[in-house]
Structure formats: structure tokens, C-alpha cells
Amino acid sequence: MTSRISTGLWALLAAFSLFIGAGSLRYLLPQIPAIPPDVAKNLMRHPWLVLHAGLASVALILGPIQFVPKLRAARPRLHRALGRVYVFACLAAGGAGLLLAWGTSAGPVAQLGFGTLAIAWIVCTAQALRLAMARRIVEHRRWMIRSFAMTFAAVTLRLYLPIAPILGYPFVEGYRIVSWMAWVPNLIVAELYLRRAGFRKPTTARA
């Protein structure tokens, strides 16, 4: 039963990631799509919005694939290759996201929220890469889960954004709240998940 629940949750996560990620790949096309008015006010949108949205979508699509145990076991080289692409996409998109956070017109609350997200995303991904290179695989997987929790903010952000206008509040007020809600709950869920027995920290070097 637990295995079925985990598979179902992974499938739901993968479906959301593919849907949002595939839609955001349009930013990598030669003809840049129309930018929403509130996003267009960002002082750093050129060229950082295209870089951030395009590469974040790549990371979002690849992330769920990397958590498939059978793929890791049967195709380790493919797993590593996709992992390198994922890491590059996260680090580059995170850097661009930090610049976009600085340029937002939604005020200091949104600046701090999105800026902290960008830094946390970069740190978690870089730590996961460092541990993979050191062959500390158990710890590497822990930090990759944290990294993808940050990546998945692209999905939760889009789920939360319509709530404020539906409730009759100005978009910018909801945007400030979402700058934190898009990723803090994700990280909390990831940490609760990591407390499961299968993801406890190794107590010895051999473990």
C-alpha cells in the first residue's frame, strides 16, 4: 500500500512538473511569448526572465525522472548525464532568479522571498553536486530532494497566484505572499519526508 501511495504521489508530481515545464519551454523559442503585465515591470526581465524561465522548465521536467530507482540502477550513465543537465539548469536559473528578485516591482517582501528562494535553490543544488562528486550518494539524494523542492516552486507558485484575485485582493498583495508560500511549504514537506527511516543520515562512512 505504501509503495502504491508513493508511486501515485510521484506520478502526480511528475504530471504537474511536465505540464508546467513544457509550457514554460516556450521562453526558449526564438519568438519570445507575451510577458504578463506585472512580470513585465521587472527591471531585470531582459535577458534574465528568458534564461530563468527556460532553464527552470528544463530542471522541472528532468527532476522527477532522476528519482526513478530503476533508471538509476539500469542506466547509471544516463542518470549522471541528466543530473549534470539538471544541475546546470538549476544553478543558471537560480542565478537569474536572484537578479529577477532584485528587480521586482512588488516591494521588499517579494524581493526577500524570491531572493531567498534563489539562494536556497543554488545552495541545495550545489551541495547535492558536491556530495555526488565525493561519492556520498545517500547524502547526495537527500540534497537532491531539497533541490527539487525548490524547483517545484515553479508549480506551486502557479497554483497559488490565482487565489488572491479570486478572493478579491490585488494581484500584487497575493504575489508578495506567494513569494514565500511557493517554496517554504515545499521545503517543509521535503524535510518531513527525509525523516523517514530510508532517508536517515548515515552514521558511518561505510553507510
Protein backbone atom coordinates (compact mmCIF):
# COMPACT_ATOMS: atom_id res chain seq x y z
CA MET A 1 0.00 0.00 0.00
CA THR A 2 2.81 2.41 0.92
CA SER A 3 4.55 1.67 -2.36
CA ARG A 4 1.38 2.40 -4.32
CA ILE A 5 0.88 5.69 -2.49
CA SER A 6 4.49 6.71 -3.19
CA THR A 7 4.10 5.80 -6.86
CA GLY A 8 0.87 7.73 -7.09
CA LEU A 9 2.37 10.81 -5.48
CA TRP A 10 5.39 10.61 -7.79
CA ALA A 11 3.09 10.33 -10.82
CA LEU A 12 1.12 13.39 -9.68
CA LEU A 13 4.30 15.36 -9.08
CA ALA A 14 5.70 14.30 -12.46
CA ALA A 15 2.47 15.25 -14.25
CA PHE A 16 2.44 18.74 -12.73
CA SER A 17 6.14 19.17 -13.50
CA LEU A 18 5.76 18.08 -17.11
CA PHE A 19 2.70 20.26 -17.70
CA ILE A 20 4.21 23.44 -16.23
CA GLY A 21 7.71 22.73 -17.54
CA ALA A 22 6.58 22.03 -21.09
CA GLY A 23 4.52 25.21 -21.11
CA SER A 24 7.44 27.30 -19.89
CA LEU A 25 9.78 25.93 -22.57
CA ARG A 26 8.17 28.50 -24.87
CA TYR A 27 10.56 31.06 -23.39
CA LEU A 28 13.41 29.28 -25.20
CA LEU A 29 11.79 29.74 -28.61
CA PRO A 30 13.13 32.42 -31.00
CA GLN A 31 9.80 34.23 -30.77
CA ILE A 32 9.55 35.23 -27.10
CA PRO A 33 5.95 34.94 -25.85
CA ALA A 34 3.97 37.82 -24.41
CA ILE A 35 5.05 38.57 -20.84
CA PRO A 36 2.33 39.11 -18.21
CA PRO A 37 1.99 42.85 -17.39
CA ASP A 38 3.02 42.52 -13.73
CA VAL A 39 6.08 40.46 -14.67
CA ALA A 40 6.97 42.89 -17.46
CA LYS A 41 7.52 45.59 -14.81
CA ASN A 42 10.56 43.72 -13.52
CA LEU A 43 13.64 45.88 -14.07
CA MET A 44 15.80 42.81 -14.81
CA ARG A 45 13.45 40.97 -17.18
CA HIS A 46 15.85 41.36 -20.15
CA PRO A 47 17.51 38.91 -20.57
CA TRP A 48 17.17 37.18 -17.23
CA LEU A 49 13.49 36.24 -17.42
CA VAL A 50 14.04 34.12 -20.55
CA LEU A 51 17.09 32.42 -19.01
CA HIS A 52 15.33 31.80 -15.70
CA ALA A 53 12.03 30.51 -17.09
CA GLY A 54 13.57 28.46 -19.87
CA LEU A 55 16.19 26.65 -17.79
CA ALA A 56 13.92 26.23 -14.77
CA SER A 57 11.48 24.41 -17.05
CA VAL A 58 14.27 22.03 -18.11
CA ALA A 59 15.08 21.29 -14.45
CA LEU A 60 11.39 20.83 -13.67
CA ILE A 61 10.94 18.24 -16.42
CA LEU A 62 14.14 16.31 -15.60
CA GLY A 63 13.72 16.30 -11.81
CA PRO A 64 11.10 13.55 -11.44
CA ILE A 65 12.99 11.29 -13.86
CA GLN A 66 16.03 11.39 -11.61
CA PHE A 67 14.08 9.92 -8.71
CA VAL A 68 13.16 6.69 -10.55
CA PRO A 69 15.18 3.90 -8.83
CA LYS A 70 15.03 1.54 -11.82
CA LEU A 71 16.54 4.19 -14.07
CA ARG A 72 19.38 4.84 -11.65
CA ALA A 73 20.11 1.12 -11.39
CA ALA A 74 19.75 0.18 -15.07
CA ARG A 75 21.13 3.32 -16.72
CA PRO A 76 23.58 4.97 -14.32
CA ARG A 77 25.35 6.86 -17.12
CA LEU A 78 22.06 8.33 -18.30
CA HIS A 79 21.23 9.25 -14.71
CA ARG A 80 24.52 11.09 -14.36
CA ALA A 81 24.16 12.82 -17.72
CA LEU A 82 20.66 14.04 -16.94
CA GLY A 83 21.88 15.03 -13.49
CA ARG A 84 24.54 17.29 -14.98
CA VAL A 85 21.92 19.00 -17.16
CA TYR A 86 19.63 19.37 -14.15
CA VAL A 87 22.37 20.89 -12.01
CA PHE A 88 23.43 23.34 -14.72
CA ALA A 89 19.81 24.37 -15.30
CA CYS A 90 19.19 24.90 -11.59
CA LEU A 91 22.35 26.90 -10.96
CA ALA A 92 21.89 29.13 -14.02
CA ALA A 93 18.17 29.61 -13.43
CA GLY A 94 18.83 30.27 -9.75
CA GLY A 95 21.35 32.98 -10.56
CA ALA A 96 18.94 34.59 -13.00
CA GLY A 97 16.18 34.27 -10.41
CA LEU A 98 18.28 36.17 -7.90
CA LEU A 99 18.63 39.06 -10.33
CA LEU A 100 14.90 38.97 -11.08
CA ALA A 101 14.15 39.07 -7.36
CA TRP A 102 16.23 42.23 -7.06
CA GLY A 103 14.36 43.82 -9.98
CA THR A 104 10.80 43.01 -8.90
CA SER A 105 8.38 45.90 -8.57
CA ALA A 106 6.38 44.12 -5.82
CA GLY A 107 8.46 45.57 -2.99
CA PRO A 108 10.97 44.30 -0.40
CA VAL A 109 8.82 41.41 0.87
CA ALA A 110 8.74 39.84 -2.59
CA GLN A 111 12.39 40.69 -3.16
CA LEU A 112 13.38 38.87 0.01
CA GLY A 113 11.07 35.93 -0.63
CA PHE A 114 12.17 35.23 -4.18
CA GLY A 115 15.77 36.14 -3.40
CA THR A 116 15.91 33.64 -0.54
CA LEU A 117 14.36 31.01 -2.80
CA ALA A 118 17.05 31.59 -5.43
CA ILE A 119 19.85 31.33 -2.88
CA ALA A 120 18.37 28.20 -1.26
CA TRP A 121 17.94 26.62 -4.70
CA ILE A 122 21.57 27.29 -5.62
CA VAL A 123 22.91 26.10 -2.27
CA CYS A 124 20.89 22.86 -2.21
CA THR A 125 21.81 22.00 -5.79
CA ALA A 126 25.49 22.83 -5.35
CA GLN A 127 25.63 20.74 -2.19
CA ALA A 128 23.99 17.82 -4.00
CA LEU A 129 26.58 18.08 -6.77
CA ARG A 130 29.48 18.23 -4.30
CA LEU A 131 28.27 15.12 -2.49
CA ALA A 132 27.76 13.22 -5.76
CA MET A 133 31.31 14.02 -6.81
CA ALA A 134 32.51 12.80 -3.41
CA ARG A 135 30.52 9.55 -3.89
CA ARG A 136 28.46 10.26 -0.77
CA ILE A 137 25.34 9.02 -2.50
CA VAL A 138 22.90 8.83 0.43
CA GLU A 139 23.59 12.44 1.38
CA HIS A 140 23.54 13.40 -2.28
CA ARG A 141 20.00 12.08 -2.62
CA ARG A 142 18.89 14.00 0.46
CA TRP A 143 20.11 17.29 -1.01
CA MET A 144 18.63 16.49 -4.40
CA ILE A 145 15.24 16.13 -2.76
CA ARG A 146 15.72 19.56 -1.20
CA SER A 147 16.84 20.94 -4.54
CA PHE A 148 13.77 19.63 -6.33
CA ALA A 149 11.55 21.02 -3.59
CA MET A 150 12.89 24.42 -4.68
CA THR A 151 12.49 23.56 -8.36
CA PHE A 152 8.88 22.56 -7.75
CA ALA A 153 8.19 26.12 -6.58
CA ALA A 154 7.53 26.83 -10.27
CA VAL A 155 4.42 24.65 -9.94
CA THR A 156 3.20 25.76 -6.52
CA LEU A 157 3.66 29.42 -7.49
CA ARG A 158 1.24 28.97 -10.39
CA LEU A 159 -1.23 27.14 -8.17
CA TYR A 160 -1.27 29.93 -5.57
CA LEU A 161 -1.17 33.01 -7.81
CA PRO A 162 -4.86 32.97 -8.84
CA ILE A 163 -6.09 32.73 -5.24
CA ALA A 164 -5.73 36.43 -4.30
CA PRO A 165 -7.62 37.78 -7.35
CA ILE A 166 -10.35 35.16 -6.85
CA LEU A 167 -10.76 36.36 -3.25
CA GLY A 168 -10.91 39.97 -4.42
CA TYR A 169 -7.43 41.07 -3.31
CA PRO A 170 -4.98 42.94 -5.56
CA PHE A 171 -2.59 40.71 -7.50
CA VAL A 172 0.49 42.36 -6.03
CA GLU A 173 -0.58 41.55 -2.45
CA GLY A 174 -1.00 37.90 -3.33
CA TYR A 175 2.31 37.98 -5.21
CA ARG A 176 4.13 39.06 -2.07
CA ILE A 177 2.64 36.20 -0.07
CA VAL A 178 3.32 33.69 -2.85
CA SER A 179 6.99 34.75 -2.92
CA TRP A 180 7.27 32.75 0.32
CA MET A 181 4.39 30.26 0.03
CA ALA A 182 5.70 28.96 -3.30
CA TRP A 183 8.70 27.31 -1.65
CA VAL A 184 8.69 27.32 2.16
CA PRO A 185 5.94 24.64 2.45
CA ASN A 186 7.74 22.62 -0.23
CA LEU A 187 10.91 22.60 1.84
CA ILE A 188 8.99 21.67 5.00
CA VAL A 189 7.36 18.72 3.22
CA ALA A 190 10.76 17.63 1.90
CA GLU A 191 12.27 17.72 5.40
CA LEU A 192 9.37 15.71 6.83
CA TYR A 193 9.83 13.18 4.05
CA LEU A 194 13.55 12.93 4.76
CA ARG A 195 12.77 11.95 8.35
CA ARG A 196 11.51 8.61 7.08
CA ALA A 197 13.75 5.67 8.02
CA GLY A 198 15.02 5.16 4.49
CA PHE A 199 16.45 8.67 4.36
CA ARG A 200 18.15 8.95 7.73
CA LYS A 201 21.66 10.33 7.74
CA PRO A 202 24.34 7.64 7.51
CA THR A 203 26.06 7.11 10.85
CA THR A 204 29.29 5.69 9.41
CA ALA A 205 31.47 6.36 6.44
CA ARG A 206 30.61 2.92 5.03
CA ALA A 207 26.87 3.63 5.32
